[in-house]
C-alpha atoms as a PDB file:
ATOM      1  CA  MET A   1      -1.066 -19.932 -18.927  1.00  0.00           C
ATOM      2  CA  TYR A   2       0.626 -20.331 -15.478  1.00  0.00           C
ATOM      3  CA  GLY A   3      -0.925 -23.301 -13.830  1.00  0.00           C
ATOM      4  CA  GLY A   4       0.607 -23.791 -10.219  1.00  0.00           C
ATOM      5  CA  ASP A   5      -1.568 -21.835  -8.293  1.00  0.00           C
ATOM      6  CA  ALA A   6      -4.448 -22.618  -6.943  1.00  0.00           C
ATOM      7  CA  GLY A   7      -6.023 -19.565  -6.794  1.00  0.00           C
ATOM      8  CA  THR A   8      -5.684 -18.808 -10.874  1.00  0.00           C
ATOM      9  CA  ASN A   9      -6.237 -22.573 -11.053  1.00  0.00           C
ATOM     10  CA  ALA A  10      -9.674 -21.814  -9.901  1.00  0.00           C
ATOM     11  CA  PHE A  11     -10.604 -18.230 -11.161  1.00  0.00           C
ATOM     12  CA  VAL A  12      -9.690 -19.559 -14.475  1.00  0.00           C
ATOM     13  CA  ASP A  13     -12.928 -22.754 -13.969  1.00  0.00           C
ATOM     14  CA  ARG A  14     -15.076 -20.592 -12.992  1.00  0.00           C
ATOM     15  CA  TYR A  15     -15.345 -16.986 -14.727  1.00  0.00           C
ATOM     16  CA  VAL A  16     -13.318 -17.717 -17.394  1.00  0.00           C
ATOM     17  CA  THR A  17     -13.111 -20.678 -19.196  1.00  0.00           C
ATOM     18  CA  PRO A  18     -17.088 -20.233 -19.531  1.00  0.00           C
ATOM     19  CA  ALA A  19     -16.562 -16.545 -20.801  1.00  0.00           C
ATOM     20  CA  ALA A  20     -15.093 -18.519 -22.741  1.00  0.00           C
ATOM     21  CA  ALA A  21     -17.263 -21.014 -23.988  1.00  0.00           C
ATOM     22  CA  GLU A  22     -19.449 -18.524 -24.746  1.00  0.00           C
ATOM     23  CA  LEU A  23     -17.625 -17.627 -27.925  1.00  0.00           C
ATOM     24  CA  GLY A  24     -16.957 -20.765 -28.804  1.00  0.00           C
ATOM     25  CA  VAL A  25     -13.252 -20.902 -27.330  1.00  0.00           C
ATOM     26  CA  THR A  26     -12.171 -24.216 -25.205  1.00  0.00           C
ATOM     27  CA  VAL A  27     -10.139 -23.822 -22.650  1.00  0.00           C
ATOM     28  CA  HIS A  28      -8.163 -26.932 -21.591  1.00  0.00           C
ATOM     29  CA  ARG A  29      -5.866 -26.055 -18.357  1.00  0.00           C
ATOM     30  CA  VAL A  30      -3.127 -28.827 -19.192  1.00  0.00           C
ATOM     31  CA  PRO A  31      -0.562 -29.417 -15.418  1.00  0.00           C
ATOM     32  CA  VAL A  32       3.000 -29.220 -15.550  1.00  0.00           C
ATOM     33  CA  ALA A  33       5.425 -30.766 -12.745  1.00  0.00           C
ATOM     34  CA  GLU A  34       8.485 -27.600 -14.273  1.00  0.00           C
ATOM     35  CA  THR A  35       8.454 -24.646 -16.015  1.00  0.00           C
ATOM     36  CA  THR A  36      11.016 -26.355 -17.795  1.00  0.00           C
ATOM     37  CA  ALA A  37       8.357 -29.206 -18.825  1.00  0.00           C
ATOM     38  CA  ALA A  38       5.768 -26.775 -19.799  1.00  0.00           C
ATOM     39  CA  VAL A  39       7.990 -25.612 -22.030  1.00  0.00           C
ATOM     40  CA  HIS A  40       8.628 -28.247 -24.134  1.00  0.00           C
ATOM     41  CA  ARG A  41       5.223 -28.563 -24.648  1.00  0.00           C
ATOM     42  CA  VAL A  42       5.005 -25.196 -26.513  1.00  0.00           C
ATOM     43  CA  VAL A  43       8.234 -25.749 -28.136  1.00  0.00           C
ATOM     44  CA  PRO A  44       8.645 -28.924 -28.182  1.00  0.00           C
ATOM     45  CA  ASN A  45      12.610 -28.439 -30.178  1.00  0.00           C
ATOM     46  CA  ALA A  46      13.330 -26.238 -27.106  1.00  0.00           C
ATOM     47  CA  GLY A  47      17.512 -27.254 -25.631  1.00  0.00           C
ATOM     48  CA  PRO A  48      18.544 -24.992 -22.606  1.00  0.00           C
ATOM     49  CA  ALA A  49      19.027 -22.025 -22.889  1.00  0.00           C
ATOM     50  CA  ARG A  50      22.092 -19.899 -24.458  1.00  0.00           C
ATOM     51  CA  ALA A  51      24.484 -17.029 -22.523  1.00  0.00           C
ATOM     52  CA  PRO A  52      23.602 -14.446 -24.111  1.00  0.00           C
ATOM     53  CA  ALA A  53      27.517 -13.660 -26.776  1.00  0.00           C
ATOM     54  CA  ALA A  54      30.317 -11.744 -24.887  1.00  0.00           C
ATOM     55  CA  ARG A  55      30.855  -8.094 -27.027  1.00  0.00           C
ATOM     56  CA  SER A  56      33.216  -5.848 -26.618  1.00  0.00           C
ATOM     57  CA  ILE A  57      32.577  -2.132 -27.680  1.00  0.00           C
END
């Protein structure tokens, strides 16, 4: 989830985390400084984005 918004973080902490706990799910927010860092946490070997290949019709 995107963690860069204080309002969203508060909602998750106040409502989502307790509701998930009732279902046996642990929500653990991990702050990241930028989107690239978040992508590398999820997909550790992700390289830079590539431009789509040119196609001729």
